[in-house]
Amino acid sequence: MAGLLSGCGGGYSTRVIDTPSTAGLKGHQKPYTVNGQMYHPMASCEGFVQDGLASWYGPDFHGKKTSNGEIYNMHAMTAAHKTLPLGTSVRVVNQNNGCQEIVRINDRGPFVGTRIIDLSYEAAKRLGVVGPGTAPVRIEALGIAQTDAQGNQTYIPSANYESGNYAVQIGAFSLSDNAQRLASKYQQKLGNAVIKQGWVGGKLFYRVWVGRYNSLTAAYAASDEFGRSGYGNSFVVALD
């Protein structure tokens, strides 16, 4: 993940998760883990509203890369969020004083306690967060900012890669009989189970894909459920 993550000055272990269903996505759009905790970036910001605690970050990260590859400028109106699409503009309202500002999400974080957004120094200063360090806020996603020829600014929804056809791979076997038994079990349970052949390191494997889900959210939820049921290596795949 470009530039690691907001608040990751030390002690953080991060990893981007690659699966067949996310092969065409940019790194910051893919699921990732921080110290073992999984996060799923949102496919769309439409209708997103969240209440929680805001913090801010400044000089220690000034001049370093953010998660979308930009250079962090503590004097710009930007912020970090764990799952909103990068590039999304959000309205932030300080619920202590009523101040509100619009910031653009260009980084990931914060990963401290229950905080929901990490503001740049400039945004935190305008909102009255610098002094206390944190403040309760409401954030509302507006979309991707665009400016027309007259200088008017509007917001459009971020591109949505949420919809599609997905399944969950719950096993891969070198023996087709083992794959057939597992696929038959879930064909009876779910009504959808297929075996896909694939070569890895010169060896043929039989992969069992089960279920059919029309959104990444539903597919990830199913994958998590399979993981809790004993299929710890399950992951989401895109159907043709």
Protein backbone atom coordinates (compact mmCIF):
# COMPACT_ATOMS: atom_id res chain seq x y z
CA MET A 1 0.00 0.00 0.00
CA ALA A 2 1.55 3.28 -1.15
CA GLY A 3 3.03 5.25 1.69
CA LEU A 4 1.80 2.76 4.26
CA LEU A 5 -1.02 4.19 6.40
CA SER A 6 -1.93 7.24 8.45
CA GLY A 7 -0.68 6.94 12.01
CA CYS A 8 1.70 4.12 11.10
CA GLY A 9 4.82 5.68 12.53
CA GLY A 10 5.85 2.35 14.05
CA GLY A 11 4.51 -0.88 15.45
CA TYR A 12 2.03 -1.47 12.61
CA SER A 13 2.08 -4.53 10.36
CA THR A 14 0.17 -3.95 7.11
CA ARG A 15 -0.66 -6.15 4.14
CA VAL A 16 -2.80 -5.74 1.02
CA ILE A 17 -4.93 -8.82 0.26
CA ASP A 18 -4.99 -9.94 -3.37
CA THR A 19 -7.78 -12.21 -4.58
CA PRO A 20 -9.00 -13.05 -8.11
CA SER A 21 -12.03 -10.78 -7.61
CA THR A 22 -9.86 -7.72 -6.89
CA ALA A 23 -7.14 -8.34 -9.48
CA GLY A 24 -8.22 -5.33 -11.56
CA LEU A 25 -8.41 -2.90 -8.65
CA LYS A 26 -5.80 -0.43 -7.51
CA GLY A 27 -3.88 -1.32 -4.35
CA HIS A 28 -5.80 1.15 -2.18
CA GLN A 29 -9.12 -0.34 -3.33
CA LYS A 30 -8.25 -3.86 -2.18
CA PRO A 31 -8.89 -5.38 1.25
CA TYR A 32 -6.00 -4.91 3.64
CA THR A 33 -4.97 -5.85 7.15
CA VAL A 34 -3.40 -3.75 9.90
CA ASN A 35 -2.00 -5.80 12.78
CA GLY A 36 -4.22 -8.69 11.73
CA GLN A 37 -7.45 -6.65 11.51
CA MET A 38 -9.12 -6.85 8.09
CA TYR A 39 -10.54 -3.74 6.40
CA HIS A 40 -12.64 -3.71 3.22
CA PRO A 41 -12.50 -0.38 1.31
CA MET A 42 -15.96 0.70 0.21
CA ALA A 43 -16.90 0.36 -3.44
CA SER A 44 -19.03 3.52 -3.30
CA CYS A 45 -19.42 6.43 -0.90
CA GLU A 46 -23.05 7.11 -1.82
CA GLY A 47 -25.23 7.80 1.21
CA PHE A 48 -22.38 7.37 3.71
CA VAL A 49 -22.77 9.12 7.08
CA GLN A 50 -20.79 8.30 10.23
CA ASP A 51 -20.55 9.60 13.79
CA GLY A 52 -17.45 9.13 15.89
CA LEU A 53 -14.19 10.57 17.12
CA ALA A 54 -11.84 12.63 14.94
CA SER A 55 -8.10 13.02 15.51
CA TRP A 56 -5.41 14.76 13.46
CA TYR A 57 -1.88 14.23 12.19
CA GLY A 58 0.72 16.77 11.19
CA PRO A 59 4.50 17.41 11.19
CA ASP A 60 5.63 13.80 11.67
CA PHE A 61 3.96 12.84 8.37
CA HIS A 62 4.39 16.09 6.42
CA GLY A 63 6.13 15.36 3.10
CA LYS A 64 5.57 11.61 3.23
CA LYS A 65 3.47 9.57 0.81
CA THR A 66 -0.19 8.97 1.53
CA SER A 67 -2.06 5.79 0.65
CA ASN A 68 -3.05 7.05 -2.82
CA GLY A 69 0.55 8.03 -3.62
CA GLU A 70 0.19 11.77 -3.03
CA ILE A 71 2.62 13.64 -0.79
CA TYR A 72 0.99 14.53 2.50
CA ASN A 73 0.68 18.29 3.03
CA MET A 74 -0.39 19.11 6.58
CA HIS A 75 -1.57 22.54 5.35
CA ALA A 76 -4.02 21.09 2.78
CA MET A 77 -7.63 20.16 3.51
CA THR A 78 -7.30 16.39 3.50
CA ALA A 79 -7.95 13.48 5.83
CA ALA A 80 -7.53 9.75 6.34
CA HIS A 81 -10.33 7.20 6.61
CA LYS A 82 -10.13 3.43 6.89
CA THR A 83 -12.64 2.45 4.19
CA LEU A 84 -14.06 5.39 2.19
CA PRO A 85 -12.93 5.46 -1.46
CA LEU A 86 -9.80 7.59 -1.76
CA GLY A 87 -10.57 10.87 -3.47
CA THR A 88 -13.95 11.22 -1.76
CA SER A 89 -14.79 14.65 -0.38
CA VAL A 90 -16.56 14.60 2.98
CA ARG A 91 -18.23 17.24 5.12
CA VAL A 92 -16.93 17.09 8.70
CA VAL A 93 -18.98 18.70 11.48
CA ASN A 94 -17.43 19.19 14.92
CA GLN A 95 -20.31 18.30 17.22
CA ASN A 96 -18.77 20.27 20.09
CA ASN A 97 -18.74 23.67 18.39
CA GLY A 98 -20.78 23.30 15.18
CA CYS A 99 -17.85 24.16 12.91
CA GLN A 100 -17.85 22.34 9.59
CA GLU A 101 -15.38 21.94 6.74
CA ILE A 102 -14.99 19.84 3.59
CA VAL A 103 -11.91 17.62 3.30
CA ARG A 104 -10.70 15.13 0.69
CA ILE A 105 -9.81 11.58 1.73
CA ASN A 106 -6.33 10.70 0.42
CA ASP A 107 -5.00 8.39 3.13
CA ARG A 108 -5.87 5.36 5.25
CA GLY A 109 -6.31 5.47 9.02
CA PRO A 110 -6.67 6.18 11.86
CA PHE A 111 -5.96 2.84 13.54
CA VAL A 112 -6.11 4.02 17.13
CA GLY A 113 -9.02 3.06 19.37
CA THR A 114 -12.45 4.00 17.98
CA ARG A 115 -11.39 7.05 15.97
CA ILE A 116 -13.09 7.29 12.56
CA ILE A 117 -11.17 10.04 10.74
CA ASP A 118 -7.68 11.54 10.91
CA LEU A 119 -7.69 15.20 9.85
CA SER A 120 -4.80 17.14 8.38
CA TYR A 121 -3.40 19.84 10.65
CA GLU A 122 -5.10 22.57 8.60
CA ALA A 123 -8.50 20.87 8.70
CA ALA A 124 -8.17 20.17 12.42
CA LYS A 125 -7.20 23.81 13.07
CA ARG A 126 -10.25 25.15 11.25
CA LEU A 127 -12.53 22.70 13.05
CA GLY A 128 -11.09 23.42 16.48
CA VAL A 129 -9.60 19.95 16.98
CA VAL A 130 -5.89 20.82 17.25
CA GLY A 131 -6.03 21.98 20.87
CA PRO A 132 -7.97 19.09 22.43
CA GLY A 133 -6.46 16.56 19.98
CA THR A 134 -9.75 14.76 19.36
CA ALA A 135 -13.40 15.75 18.98
CA PRO A 136 -16.74 14.06 18.29
CA VAL A 137 -17.72 14.60 14.65
CA ARG A 138 -20.24 13.64 12.03
CA ILE A 139 -18.89 12.95 8.56
CA GLU A 140 -21.01 12.91 5.40
CA ALA A 141 -19.62 11.71 2.09
CA LEU A 142 -20.27 14.14 -0.78
CA GLY A 143 -18.54 12.36 -3.67
CA ILE A 144 -15.67 13.22 -6.02
CA ALA A 145 -15.19 16.99 -6.36
CA GLN A 146 -15.35 18.52 -9.84
CA THR A 147 -14.97 22.18 -10.84
CA ASP A 148 -16.63 23.50 -14.02
CA ALA A 149 -15.41 26.27 -16.32
CA GLN A 150 -17.15 28.92 -14.19
CA GLY A 151 -15.39 27.70 -11.04
CA ASN A 152 -18.47 26.07 -9.55
CA GLN A 153 -17.75 22.93 -7.55
CA THR A 154 -19.98 19.90 -7.68
CA TYR A 155 -19.67 16.34 -6.42
CA ILE A 156 -20.28 13.11 -8.31
CA PRO A 157 -20.57 9.61 -6.84
CA SER A 158 -17.37 7.58 -6.86
CA ALA A 159 -17.16 4.71 -9.34
CA ASN A 160 -18.92 1.64 -7.98
CA TYR A 161 -17.25 -1.75 -8.39
CA GLU A 162 -19.51 -3.27 -5.72
CA SER A 163 -22.02 -4.90 -8.08
CA GLY A 164 -21.17 -8.07 -9.97
CA ASN A 165 -21.26 -11.85 -9.71
CA TYR A 166 -19.09 -13.41 -7.03
CA ALA A 167 -18.48 -16.72 -5.31
CA VAL A 168 -16.24 -17.92 -2.48
CA GLN A 169 -13.36 -20.35 -2.96
CA ILE A 170 -13.36 -22.63 0.07
CA GLY A 171 -10.85 -25.26 -1.04
CA ALA A 172 -8.24 -26.31 -3.60
CA PHE A 173 -7.25 -29.95 -4.07
CA SER A 174 -4.74 -31.91 -6.09
CA LEU A 175 -7.24 -34.82 -6.25
CA SER A 176 -10.47 -34.24 -8.14
CA ASP A 177 -12.43 -36.69 -5.93
CA ASN A 178 -11.81 -34.51 -2.86
CA ALA A 179 -13.01 -31.44 -4.72
CA GLN A 180 -16.08 -33.32 -5.98
CA ARG A 181 -17.09 -34.36 -2.47
CA LEU A 182 -16.86 -30.81 -1.13
CA ALA A 183 -18.63 -29.32 -4.13
CA SER A 184 -21.47 -31.87 -3.84
CA LYS A 185 -21.94 -30.97 -0.18
CA TYR A 186 -22.39 -27.28 -0.93
CA GLN A 187 -24.39 -27.88 -4.08
CA GLN A 188 -26.99 -29.45 -1.82
CA LYS A 189 -26.69 -26.72 0.81
CA LEU A 190 -26.52 -23.60 -1.36
CA GLY A 191 -27.57 -24.71 -4.81
CA ASN A 192 -24.38 -23.30 -6.32
CA ALA A 193 -21.00 -25.03 -6.35
CA VAL A 194 -18.54 -25.43 -9.19
CA ILE A 195 -15.05 -26.83 -9.67
CA LYS A 196 -12.48 -24.75 -11.52
CA GLN A 197 -9.19 -26.21 -12.68
CA GLY A 198 -5.99 -24.20 -12.47
CA TRP A 199 -2.27 -24.77 -12.77
CA VAL A 200 0.03 -23.56 -9.97
CA GLY A 201 3.75 -24.20 -10.16
CA GLY A 202 3.26 -26.84 -12.85
CA LYS A 203 0.69 -28.73 -10.78
CA LEU A 204 -3.03 -29.03 -11.52
CA PHE A 205 -5.44 -28.02 -8.75
CA TYR A 206 -9.20 -28.39 -8.47
CA ARG A 207 -10.72 -25.30 -6.86
CA VAL A 208 -14.14 -25.40 -5.22
CA TRP A 209 -16.19 -22.22 -5.69
CA VAL A 210 -19.49 -22.03 -3.83
CA GLY A 211 -22.43 -19.64 -3.67
CA ARG A 212 -23.45 -16.82 -5.97
CA TYR A 213 -23.48 -13.25 -4.64
CA ASN A 214 -24.35 -10.07 -6.52
CA SER A 215 -22.19 -7.71 -4.45
CA LEU A 216 -18.72 -7.72 -2.94
CA THR A 217 -20.22 -6.89 0.45
CA ALA A 218 -22.36 -10.03 0.44
CA ALA A 219 -19.48 -12.13 -0.87
CA TYR A 220 -17.07 -10.89 1.80
CA ALA A 221 -19.68 -11.58 4.50
CA ALA A 222 -20.07 -15.13 3.18
CA SER A 223 -16.30 -15.61 3.04
CA ASP A 224 -16.02 -14.50 6.67
CA GLU A 225 -18.77 -16.97 7.61
CA PHE A 226 -16.98 -19.80 5.80
CA GLY A 227 -13.83 -18.83 7.67
CA ARG A 228 -15.63 -19.17 10.99
CA SER A 229 -16.97 -22.56 9.84
CA GLY A 230 -13.53 -24.04 9.38
CA TYR A 231 -12.51 -22.85 5.91
CA GLY A 232 -9.88 -20.39 7.09
CA ASN A 233 -8.29 -19.93 3.65
CA SER A 234 -11.52 -19.02 1.85
CA PHE A 235 -11.61 -15.89 -0.30
CA VAL A 236 -13.86 -14.09 -2.77
CA VAL A 237 -13.62 -14.79 -6.51
CA ALA A 238 -15.34 -13.16 -9.50
CA LEU A 239 -17.61 -15.34 -11.62
CA ASP A 240 -17.59 -15.00 -15.39
